[in-house]
Amino acid sequence: IVDVCEELTKFTLMIRGRSDYLTDRYSERVESAEE
């Protein structure tokens, strides 16, 4: 459980500032937010 909590913290620090870029997808760029 200690290991999981440590790993979750590390992954969150690594990903949260890059989340928008990591999840930016071509298929969604060709659709508007309304669509």
PDB file of all heavy atoms in Angstrom:
ATOM      1  N   ILE A   1       0.832  -1.200   0.000  1.00  0.00           N
ATOM      2  CA  ILE A   1       0.000   0.000   0.000  1.00  0.00           C
ATOM      3  C   ILE A   1       0.869   1.254   0.000  1.00  0.00           C
ATOM      4  O   ILE A   1       0.579   2.234  -0.693  1.00  0.00           O
ATOM      5  CB  ILE A   1      -0.970  -0.031   1.199  1.00  0.00           C
ATOM      6  CG1 ILE A   1      -2.060  -1.084   0.937  1.00  0.00           C
ATOM      7  CG2 ILE A   1      -1.601   1.342   1.450  1.00  0.00           C
ATOM      8  CD1 ILE A   1      -3.006  -1.305   2.081  1.00  0.00           C
ATOM      9  N   VAL A   2       1.963   1.212   0.769  1.00  0.00           N
ATOM     10  CA  VAL A   2       2.912   2.332   0.736  1.00  0.00           C
ATOM     11  C   VAL A   2       3.439   2.527  -0.684  1.00  0.00           C
ATOM     12  O   VAL A   2       3.494   3.651  -1.203  1.00  0.00           O
ATOM     13  CB  VAL A   2       4.075   2.089   1.720  1.00  0.00           C
ATOM     14  CG1 VAL A   2       5.081   3.247   1.637  1.00  0.00           C
ATOM     15  CG2 VAL A   2       3.567   1.945   3.152  1.00  0.00           C
ATOM     16  N   ASP A   3       3.827   1.436  -1.327  1.00  0.00           N
ATOM     17  CA  ASP A   3       4.360   1.509  -2.694  1.00  0.00           C
ATOM     18  C   ASP A   3       3.353   2.130  -3.654  1.00  0.00           C
ATOM     19  O   ASP A   3       3.707   2.957  -4.506  1.00  0.00           O
ATOM     20  CB  ASP A   3       4.732   0.110  -3.192  1.00  0.00           C
ATOM     21  CG  ASP A   3       5.962  -0.461  -2.510  1.00  0.00           C
ATOM     22  OD1 ASP A   3       6.664   0.296  -1.803  1.00  0.00           O
ATOM     23  OD2 ASP A   3       6.209  -1.667  -2.670  1.00  0.00           O
ATOM     24  N   VAL A   4       2.095   1.702  -3.560  1.00  0.00           N
ATOM     25  CA  VAL A   4       1.070   2.219  -4.471  1.00  0.00           C
ATOM     26  C   VAL A   4       0.888   3.716  -4.271  1.00  0.00           C
ATOM     27  O   VAL A   4       0.792   4.485  -5.240  1.00  0.00           O
ATOM     28  CB  VAL A   4      -0.261   1.469  -4.267  1.00  0.00           C
ATOM     29  CG1 VAL A   4      -1.378   2.134  -5.080  1.00  0.00           C
ATOM     30  CG2 VAL A   4      -0.126   0.009  -4.687  1.00  0.00           C
ATOM     31  N   CYS A   5       0.863   4.170  -3.018  1.00  0.00           N
ATOM     32  CA  CYS A   5       0.687   5.598  -2.741  1.00  0.00           C
ATOM     33  C   CYS A   5       1.867   6.409  -3.257  1.00  0.00           C
ATOM     34  O   CYS A   5       1.693   7.501  -3.819  1.00  0.00           O
ATOM     35  CB  CYS A   5       0.494   5.816  -1.246  1.00  0.00           C
ATOM     36  SG  CYS A   5      -1.067   5.163  -0.615  1.00  0.00           S
ATOM     37  N   GLU A   6       3.077   5.869  -3.081  1.00  0.00           N
ATOM     38  CA  GLU A   6       4.255   6.565  -3.586  1.00  0.00           C
ATOM     39  C   GLU A   6       4.209   6.654  -5.112  1.00  0.00           C
ATOM     40  O   GLU A   6       4.484   7.714  -5.704  1.00  0.00           O
ATOM     41  CB  GLU A   6       5.516   5.836  -3.128  1.00  0.00           C
ATOM     42  CG  GLU A   6       6.814   6.528  -3.560  1.00  0.00           C
ATOM     43  CD  GLU A   6       8.048   5.807  -3.031  1.00  0.00           C
ATOM     44  OE1 GLU A   6       7.982   4.576  -2.782  1.00  0.00           O
ATOM     45  OE2 GLU A   6       9.081   6.484  -2.861  1.00  0.00           O
ATOM     46  N   GLU A   7       3.851   5.558  -5.758  1.00  0.00           N
ATOM     47  CA  GLU A   7       3.814   5.535  -7.222  1.00  0.00           C
ATOM     48  C   GLU A   7       2.721   6.441  -7.764  1.00  0.00           C
ATOM     49  O   GLU A   7       2.927   7.146  -8.763  1.00  0.00           O
ATOM     50  CB  GLU A   7       3.604   4.104  -7.704  1.00  0.00           C
ATOM     51  CG  GLU A   7       3.788   3.919  -9.197  1.00  0.00           C
ATOM     52  CD  GLU A   7       3.792   2.462  -9.592  1.00  0.00           C
ATOM     53  OE1 GLU A   7       4.738   1.738  -9.192  1.00  0.00           O
ATOM     54  OE2 GLU A   7       2.852   2.043 -10.288  1.00  0.00           O
ATOM     55  N   LEU A   8       1.562   6.464  -7.104  1.00  0.00           N
ATOM     56  CA  LEU A   8       0.482   7.343  -7.547  1.00  0.00           C
ATOM     57  C   LEU A   8       0.913   8.800  -7.458  1.00  0.00           C
ATOM     58  O   LEU A   8       0.634   9.600  -8.364  1.00  0.00           O
ATOM     59  CB  LEU A   8      -0.770   7.109  -6.695  1.00  0.00           C
ATOM     60  CG  LEU A   8      -1.964   8.026  -6.985  1.00  0.00           C
ATOM     61  CD1 LEU A   8      -2.429   7.897  -8.433  1.00  0.00           C
ATOM     62  CD2 LEU A   8      -3.110   7.738  -6.024  1.00  0.00           C
ATOM     63  N   THR A   9       1.606   9.163  -6.391  1.00  0.00           N
ATOM     64  CA  THR A   9       2.082  10.536  -6.251  1.00  0.00           C
ATOM     65  C   THR A   9       3.054  10.884  -7.367  1.00  0.00           C
ATOM     66  O   THR A   9       2.963  11.946  -8.000  1.00  0.00           O
ATOM     67  CB  THR A   9       2.770  10.723  -4.885  1.00  0.00           C
ATOM     68  OG1 THR A   9       1.863  10.352  -3.838  1.00  0.00           O
ATOM     69  CG2 THR A   9       3.190  12.174  -4.684  1.00  0.00           C
ATOM     70  N   LYS A  10       3.994   9.992  -7.659  1.00  0.00           N
ATOM     71  CA  LYS A  10       4.992  10.245  -8.701  1.00  0.00           C
ATOM     72  C   LYS A  10       4.338  10.394 -10.071  1.00  0.00           C
ATOM     73  O   LYS A  10       4.661  11.323 -10.834  1.00  0.00           O
ATOM     74  CB  LYS A  10       6.016   9.113  -8.732  1.00  0.00           C
ATOM     75  CG  LYS A  10       6.957   9.092  -7.532  1.00  0.00           C
ATOM     76  CD  LYS A  10       7.899   7.898  -7.616  1.00  0.00           C
ATOM     77  CE  LYS A  10       8.891   7.879  -6.466  1.00  0.00           C
ATOM     78  NZ  LYS A  10       9.771   6.677  -6.513  1.00  0.00           N
ATOM     79  N   PHE A  11       3.420   9.477 -10.405  1.00  0.00           N
ATOM     80  CA  PHE A  11       2.772   9.550 -11.711  1.00  0.00           C
ATOM     81  C   PHE A  11       1.923  10.817 -11.836  1.00  0.00           C
ATOM     82  O   PHE A  11       1.850  11.418 -12.910  1.00  0.00           O
ATOM     83  CB  PHE A  11       1.913   8.306 -11.953  1.00  0.00           C
ATOM     84  CG  PHE A  11       2.646   7.176 -12.614  1.00  0.00           C
ATOM     85  CD1 PHE A  11       3.569   6.426 -11.912  1.00  0.00           C
ATOM     86  CD2 PHE A  11       2.433   6.872 -13.946  1.00  0.00           C
ATOM     87  CE1 PHE A  11       4.262   5.386 -12.512  1.00  0.00           C
ATOM     88  CE2 PHE A  11       3.117   5.836 -14.575  1.00  0.00           C
ATOM     89  CZ  PHE A  11       4.039   5.088 -13.843  1.00  0.00           C
ATOM     90  N   THR A  12       1.286  11.223 -10.749  1.00  0.00           N
ATOM     91  CA  THR A  12       0.463  12.433 -10.796  1.00  0.00           C
ATOM     92  C   THR A  12       1.332  13.660 -11.016  1.00  0.00           C
ATOM     93  O   THR A  12       0.998  14.541 -11.827  1.00  0.00           O
ATOM     94  CB  THR A  12      -0.351  12.577  -9.497  1.00  0.00           C
ATOM     95  OG1 THR A  12      -1.125  11.387  -9.286  1.00  0.00           O
ATOM     96  CG2 THR A  12      -1.300  13.773  -9.581  1.00  0.00           C
ATOM     97  N   LEU A  13       2.463  13.740 -10.325  1.00  0.00           N
ATOM     98  CA  LEU A  13       3.387  14.857 -10.532  1.00  0.00           C
ATOM     99  C   LEU A  13       3.889  14.884 -11.968  1.00  0.00           C
ATOM    100  O   LEU A  13       4.037  15.953 -12.578  1.00  0.00           O
ATOM    101  CB  LEU A  13       4.566  14.738  -9.566  1.00  0.00           C
ATOM    102  CG  LEU A  13       4.292  15.090  -8.104  1.00  0.00           C
ATOM    103  CD1 LEU A  13       5.427  14.606  -7.219  1.00  0.00           C
ATOM    104  CD2 LEU A  13       4.083  16.591  -7.940  1.00  0.00           C
ATOM    105  N   MET A  14       4.152  13.730 -12.526  1.00  0.00           N
ATOM    106  CA  MET A  14       4.717  13.638 -13.867  1.00  0.00           C
ATOM    107  C   MET A  14       3.700  13.985 -14.947  1.00  0.00           C
ATOM    108  O   MET A  14       4.049  14.584 -15.974  1.00  0.00           O
ATOM    109  CB  MET A  14       5.260  12.227 -14.096  1.00  0.00           C
ATOM    110  CG  MET A  14       5.943  12.017 -15.438  1.00  0.00           C
ATOM    111  SD  MET A  14       6.792  10.423 -15.532  1.00  0.00           S
ATOM    112  CE  MET A  14       5.442   9.268 -15.223  1.00  0.00           C
ATOM    113  N   ILE A  15       2.423  13.636 -14.722  1.00  0.00           N
ATOM    114  CA  ILE A  15       1.428  13.711 -15.789  1.00  0.00           C
ATOM    115  C   ILE A  15       0.567  14.968 -15.735  1.00  0.00           C
ATOM    116  O   ILE A  15       0.182  15.495 -16.786  1.00  0.00           O
ATOM    117  CB  ILE A  15       0.544  12.442 -15.749  1.00  0.00           C
ATOM    118  CG1 ILE A  15       1.354  11.250 -16.275  1.00  0.00           C
ATOM    119  CG2 ILE A  15      -0.740  12.610 -16.550  1.00  0.00           C
ATOM    120  CD1 ILE A  15       0.698   9.917 -16.052  1.00  0.00           C
ATOM    121  N   ARG A  16       0.272  15.480 -14.541  1.00  0.00           N
ATOM    122  CA  ARG A  16      -0.778  16.494 -14.441  1.00  0.00           C
ATOM    123  C   ARG A  16      -0.499  17.747 -15.281  1.00  0.00           C
ATOM    124  O   ARG A  16      -1.407  18.322 -15.872  1.00  0.00           O
ATOM    125  CB  ARG A  16      -1.000  16.880 -12.984  1.00  0.00           C
ATOM    126  CG  ARG A  16       0.204  17.552 -12.322  1.00  0.00           C
ATOM    127  CD  ARG A  16      -0.119  17.979 -10.915  1.00  0.00           C
ATOM    128  NE  ARG A  16       1.026  18.619 -10.285  1.00  0.00           N
ATOM    129  CZ  ARG A  16       0.963  19.225  -9.111  1.00  0.00           C
ATOM    130  NH1 ARG A  16      -0.171  19.272  -8.443  1.00  0.00           N
ATOM    131  NH2 ARG A  16       2.038  19.792  -8.590  1.00  0.00           N
ATOM    132  N   GLY A  17       0.757  18.190 -15.362  1.00  0.00           N
ATOM    133  CA  GLY A  17       1.061  19.372 -16.149  1.00  0.00           C
ATOM    134  C   GLY A  17       1.118  19.108 -17.640  1.00  0.00           C
ATOM    135  O   GLY A  17       1.174  20.049 -18.441  1.00  0.00           O
ATOM    136  N   ARG A  18       1.127  17.834 -18.014  1.00  0.00           N
ATOM    137  CA  ARG A  18       1.216  17.439 -19.415  1.00  0.00           C
ATOM    138  C   ARG A  18      -0.061  16.764 -19.913  1.00  0.00           C
ATOM    139  O   ARG A  18      -0.103  16.271 -21.033  1.00  0.00           O
ATOM    140  CB  ARG A  18       2.393  16.485 -19.603  1.00  0.00           C
ATOM    141  CG  ARG A  18       3.733  17.031 -19.123  1.00  0.00           C
ATOM    142  CD  ARG A  18       4.820  15.982 -19.212  1.00  0.00           C
ATOM    143  NE  ARG A  18       6.145  16.497 -18.917  1.00  0.00           N
ATOM    144  CZ  ARG A  18       6.729  16.430 -17.725  1.00  0.00           C
ATOM    145  NH1 ARG A  18       6.081  15.888 -16.705  1.00  0.00           N
ATOM    146  NH2 ARG A  18       7.943  16.916 -17.537  1.00  0.00           N
ATOM    147  N   SER A  19      -1.063  16.727 -19.070  1.00  0.00           N
ATOM    148  CA  SER A  19      -2.273  15.968 -19.376  1.00  0.00           C
ATOM    149  C   SER A  19      -2.946  16.439 -20.652  1.00  0.00           C
ATOM    150  O   SER A  19      -3.369  15.630 -21.485  1.00  0.00           O
ATOM    151  CB  SER A  19      -3.253  16.054 -18.193  1.00  0.00           C
ATOM    152  OG  SER A  19      -4.439  15.354 -18.474  1.00  0.00           O
ATOM    153  N   ASP A  20      -3.070  17.757 -20.822  1.00  0.00           N
ATOM    154  CA  ASP A  20      -3.747  18.274 -22.016  1.00  0.00           C
ATOM    155  C   ASP A  20      -3.029  17.839 -23.285  1.00  0.00           C
ATOM    156  O   ASP A  20      -3.655  17.469 -24.282  1.00  0.00           O
ATOM    157  CB  ASP A  20      -3.843  19.790 -21.953  1.00  0.00           C
ATOM    158  CG  ASP A  20      -4.840  20.271 -20.913  1.00  0.00           C
ATOM    159  OD1 ASP A  20      -5.671  19.455 -20.463  1.00  0.00           O
ATOM    160  OD2 ASP A  20      -4.783  21.462 -20.553  1.00  0.00           O
ATOM    161  N   TYR A  21      -1.706  17.873 -23.255  1.00  0.00           N
ATOM    162  CA  TYR A  21      -0.945  17.478 -24.445  1.00  0.00           C
ATOM    163  C   TYR A  21      -1.026  15.977 -24.676  1.00  0.00           C
ATOM    164  O   TYR A  21      -1.195  15.514 -25.811  1.00  0.00           O
ATOM    165  CB  TYR A  21       0.519  17.893 -24.292  1.00  0.00           C
ATOM    166  CG  TYR A  21       1.362  17.499 -25.483  1.00  0.00           C
ATOM    167  CD1 TYR A  21       1.225  18.160 -26.707  1.00  0.00           C
ATOM    168  CD2 TYR A  21       2.283  16.464 -25.394  1.00  0.00           C
ATOM    169  CE1 TYR A  21       1.981  17.793 -27.807  1.00  0.00           C
ATOM    170  CE2 TYR A  21       3.043  16.088 -26.490  1.00  0.00           C
ATOM    171  CZ  TYR A  21       2.891  16.757 -27.691  1.00  0.00           C
ATOM    172  OH  TYR A  21       3.634  16.382 -28.781  1.00  0.00           O
ATOM    173  N   LEU A  22      -0.931  15.189 -23.595  1.00  0.00           N
ATOM    174  CA  LEU A  22      -0.956  13.741 -23.735  1.00  0.00           C
ATOM    175  C   LEU A  22      -2.292  13.235 -24.272  1.00  0.00           C
ATOM    176  O   LEU A  22      -2.348  12.202 -24.936  1.00  0.00           O
ATOM    177  CB  LEU A  22      -0.672  13.084 -22.374  1.00  0.00           C
ATOM    178  CG  LEU A  22       0.770  13.221 -21.854  1.00  0.00           C
ATOM    179  CD1 LEU A  22       0.854  12.752 -20.409  1.00  0.00           C
ATOM    180  CD2 LEU A  22       1.732  12.434 -22.730  1.00  0.00           C
ATOM    181  N   THR A  23      -3.363  13.955 -23.975  1.00  0.00           N
ATOM    182  CA  THR A  23      -4.690  13.498 -24.394  1.00  0.00           C
ATOM    183  C   THR A  23      -5.231  14.274 -25.603  1.00  0.00           C
ATOM    184  O   THR A  23      -6.403  14.152 -25.943  1.00  0.00           O
ATOM    185  CB  THR A  23      -5.685  13.616 -23.225  1.00  0.00           C
ATOM    186  OG1 THR A  23      -5.739  14.983 -22.772  1.00  0.00           O
ATOM    187  CG2 THR A  23      -5.266  12.732 -22.069  1.00  0.00           C
ATOM    188  N   ASP A  24      -4.375  15.065 -26.228  1.00  0.00           N
ATOM    189  CA  ASP A  24      -4.773  15.785 -27.437  1.00  0.00           C
ATOM    190  C   ASP A  24      -4.813  14.808 -28.603  1.00  0.00           C
ATOM    191  O   ASP A  24      -3.792  14.219 -28.972  1.00  0.00           O
ATOM    192  CB  ASP A  24      -3.774  16.916 -27.707  1.00  0.00           C
ATOM    193  CG  ASP A  24      -4.156  17.732 -28.925  1.00  0.00           C
ATOM    194  OD1 ASP A  24      -5.365  17.898 -29.180  1.00  0.00           O
ATOM    195  OD2 ASP A  24      -3.235  18.192 -29.635  1.00  0.00           O
ATOM    196  N   ARG A  25      -5.984  14.616 -29.206  1.00  0.00           N
ATOM    197  CA  ARG A  25      -6.168  13.595 -30.230  1.00  0.00           C
ATOM    198  C   ARG A  25      -6.604  14.215 -31.555  1.00  0.00           C
ATOM    199  O   ARG A  25      -7.446  15.113 -31.589  1.00  0.00           O
ATOM    200  CB  ARG A  25      -7.216  12.576 -29.783  1.00  0.00           C
ATOM    201  CG  ARG A  25      -6.797  11.765 -28.560  1.00  0.00           C
ATOM    202  CD  ARG A  25      -7.932  10.854 -28.128  1.00  0.00           C
ATOM    203  NE  ARG A  25      -7.508   9.988 -27.042  1.00  0.00           N
ATOM    204  CZ  ARG A  25      -7.570  10.332 -25.749  1.00  0.00           C
ATOM    205  NH1 ARG A  25      -8.053  11.509 -25.420  1.00  0.00           N
ATOM    206  NH2 ARG A  25      -7.163   9.491 -24.818  1.00  0.00           N
ATOM    207  N   TYR A  26      -6.080  13.663 -32.615  1.00  0.00           N
ATOM    208  CA  TYR A  26      -6.428  14.148 -33.952  1.00  0.00           C
ATOM    209  C   TYR A  26      -7.932  14.071 -34.193  1.00  0.00           C
ATOM    210  O   TYR A  26      -8.546  15.016 -34.708  1.00  0.00           O
ATOM    211  CB  TYR A  26      -5.691  13.338 -35.019  1.00  0.00           C
ATOM    212  CG  TYR A  26      -6.188  13.629 -36.421  1.00  0.00           C
ATOM    213  CD1 TYR A  26      -5.771  14.764 -37.115  1.00  0.00           C
ATOM    214  CD2 TYR A  26      -7.105  12.777 -37.046  1.00  0.00           C
ATOM    215  CE1 TYR A  26      -6.245  15.048 -38.379  1.00  0.00           C
ATOM    216  CE2 TYR A  26      -7.589  13.051 -38.306  1.00  0.00           C
ATOM    217  CZ  TYR A  26      -7.158  14.184 -38.973  1.00  0.00           C
ATOM    218  OH  TYR A  26      -7.638  14.461 -40.220  1.00  0.00           O
ATOM    219  N   SER A  27      -8.542  12.924 -33.850  1.00  0.00           N
ATOM    220  CA  SER A  27      -9.959  12.728 -34.153  1.00  0.00           C
ATOM    221  C   SER A  27     -10.825  13.781 -33.473  1.00  0.00           C
ATOM    222  O   SER A  27     -11.876  14.161 -34.003  1.00  0.00           O
ATOM    223  CB  SER A  27     -10.407  11.336 -33.700  1.00  0.00           C
ATOM    224  OG  SER A  27     -10.271  11.189 -32.301  1.00  0.00           O
ATOM    225  N   GLU A  28     -10.374  14.256 -32.325  1.00  0.00           N
ATOM    226  CA  GLU A  28     -11.160  15.265 -31.611  1.00  0.00           C
ATOM    227  C   GLU A  28     -10.844  16.672 -32.095  1.00  0.00           C
ATOM    228  O   GLU A  28     -11.673  17.580 -31.954  1.00  0.00           O
ATOM    229  CB  GLU A  28     -10.925  15.122 -30.109  1.00  0.00           C
ATOM    230  CG  GLU A  28     -11.494  13.805 -29.579  1.00  0.00           C
ATOM    231  CD  GLU A  28     -11.113  13.545 -28.132  1.00  0.00           C
ATOM    232  OE1 GLU A  28     -10.411  14.385 -27.532  1.00  0.00           O
ATOM    233  OE2 GLU A  28     -11.521  12.486 -27.616  1.00  0.00           O
ATOM    234  N   ARG A  29      -9.671  16.860 -32.668  1.00  0.00           N
ATOM    235  CA  ARG A  29      -9.361  18.193 -33.198  1.00  0.00           C
ATOM    236  C   ARG A  29     -10.204  18.518 -34.428  1.00  0.00           C
ATOM    237  O   ARG A  29     -10.420  19.690 -34.727  1.00  0.00           O
ATOM    238  CB  ARG A  29      -7.868  18.300 -33.528  1.00  0.00           C
ATOM    239  CG  ARG A  29      -6.964  18.289 -32.304  1.00  0.00           C
ATOM    240  CD  ARG A  29      -5.561  18.786 -32.653  1.00  0.00           C
ATOM    241  NE  ARG A  29      -4.865  17.932 -33.591  1.00  0.00           N
ATOM    242  CZ  ARG A  29      -4.134  16.872 -33.228  1.00  0.00           C
ATOM    243  NH1 ARG A  29      -4.015  16.556 -31.937  1.00  0.00           N
ATOM    244  NH2 ARG A  29      -3.518  16.134 -34.149  1.00  0.00           N
ATOM    245  N   VAL A  30     -10.664  17.486 -35.124  1.00  0.00           N
ATOM    246  CA  VAL A  30     -11.471  17.754 -36.312  1.00  0.00           C
ATOM    247  C   VAL A  30     -12.950  17.916 -35.973  1.00  0.00           C
ATOM    248  O   VAL A  30     -13.753  18.192 -36.845  1.00  0.00           O
ATOM    249  CB  VAL A  30     -11.304  16.637 -37.367  1.00  0.00           C
ATOM    250  CG1 VAL A  30      -9.853  16.558 -37.805  1.00  0.00           C
ATOM    251  CG2 VAL A  30     -11.771  15.288 -36.850  1.00  0.00           C
ATOM    252  N   GLU A  31     -13.302  17.734 -34.713  1.00  0.00           N
ATOM    253  CA  GLU A  31     -14.665  17.978 -34.261  1.00  0.00           C
ATOM    254  C   GLU A  31     -14.700  19.228 -33.402  1.00  0.00           C
ATOM    255  O   GLU A  31     -13.786  19.473 -32.623  1.00  0.00           O
ATOM    256  CB  GLU A  31     -15.176  16.811 -33.408  1.00  0.00           C
ATOM    257  CG  GLU A  31     -15.621  15.593 -34.164  1.00  0.00           C
ATOM    258  CD  GLU A  31     -16.254  14.582 -33.223  1.00  0.00           C
ATOM    259  OE1 GLU A  31     -15.562  14.095 -32.320  1.00  0.00           O
ATOM    260  OE2 GLU A  31     -17.456  14.306 -33.377  1.00  0.00           O
ATOM    261  N   SER A  32     -15.752  19.991 -33.526  1.00  0.00           N
ATOM    262  CA  SER A  32     -15.913  21.137 -32.637  1.00  0.00           C
ATOM    263  C   SER A  32     -16.385  20.657 -31.275  1.00  0.00           C
ATOM    264  O   SER A  32     -16.896  19.545 -31.128  1.00  0.00           O
ATOM    265  CB  SER A  32     -16.943  22.110 -33.214  1.00  0.00           C
ATOM    266  OG  SER A  32     -18.239  21.523 -33.168  1.00  0.00           O
ATOM    267  N   ALA A  33     -16.230  21.476 -30.258  1.00  0.00           N
ATOM    268  CA  ALA A  33     -16.693  21.130 -28.918  1.00  0.00           C
ATOM    269  C   ALA A  33     -18.195  20.879 -28.915  1.00  0.00           C
ATOM    270  O   ALA A  33     -18.692  19.993 -28.221  1.00  0.00           O
ATOM    271  CB  ALA A  33     -16.343  22.247 -27.936  1.00  0.00           C
ATOM    272  N   GLU A  34     -18.920  21.638 -29.733  1.00  0.00           N
ATOM    273  CA  GLU A  34     -20.372  21.450 -29.807  1.00  0.00           C
ATOM    274  C   GLU A  34     -20.704  20.078 -30.380  1.00  0.00           C
ATOM    275  O   GLU A  34     -21.605  19.381 -29.896  1.00  0.00           O
ATOM    276  CB  GLU A  34     -20.994  22.542 -30.667  1.00  0.00           C
ATOM    277  CG  GLU A  34     -22.510  22.441 -30.787  1.00  0.00           C
ATOM    278  CD  GLU A  34     -23.102  23.545 -31.651  1.00  0.00           C
ATOM    279  OE1 GLU A  34     -22.340  24.448 -32.067  1.00  0.00           O
ATOM    280  OE2 GLU A  34     -24.316  23.502 -31.907  1.00  0.00           O
ATOM    281  N   GLU A  35     -19.969  19.654 -31.400  1.00  0.00           N
ATOM    282  CA  GLU A  35     -20.208  18.344 -32.002  1.00  0.00           C
ATOM    283  C   GLU A  35     -19.875  17.223 -31.025  1.00  0.00           C
ATOM    284  O   GLU A  35     -20.597  16.227 -30.937  1.00  0.00           O
ATOM    285  CB  GLU A  35     -19.373  18.203 -33.278  1.00  0.00           C
ATOM    286  CG  GLU A  35     -19.853  19.069 -34.435  1.00  0.00           C
ATOM    287  CD  GLU A  35     -18.865  19.096 -35.579  1.00  0.00           C
ATOM    288  OE1 GLU A  35     -17.656  18.899 -35.303  1.00  0.00           O
ATOM    289  OE2 GLU A  35     -19.278  19.317 -36.720  1.00  0.00           O
TER     290      GLU A  35
END
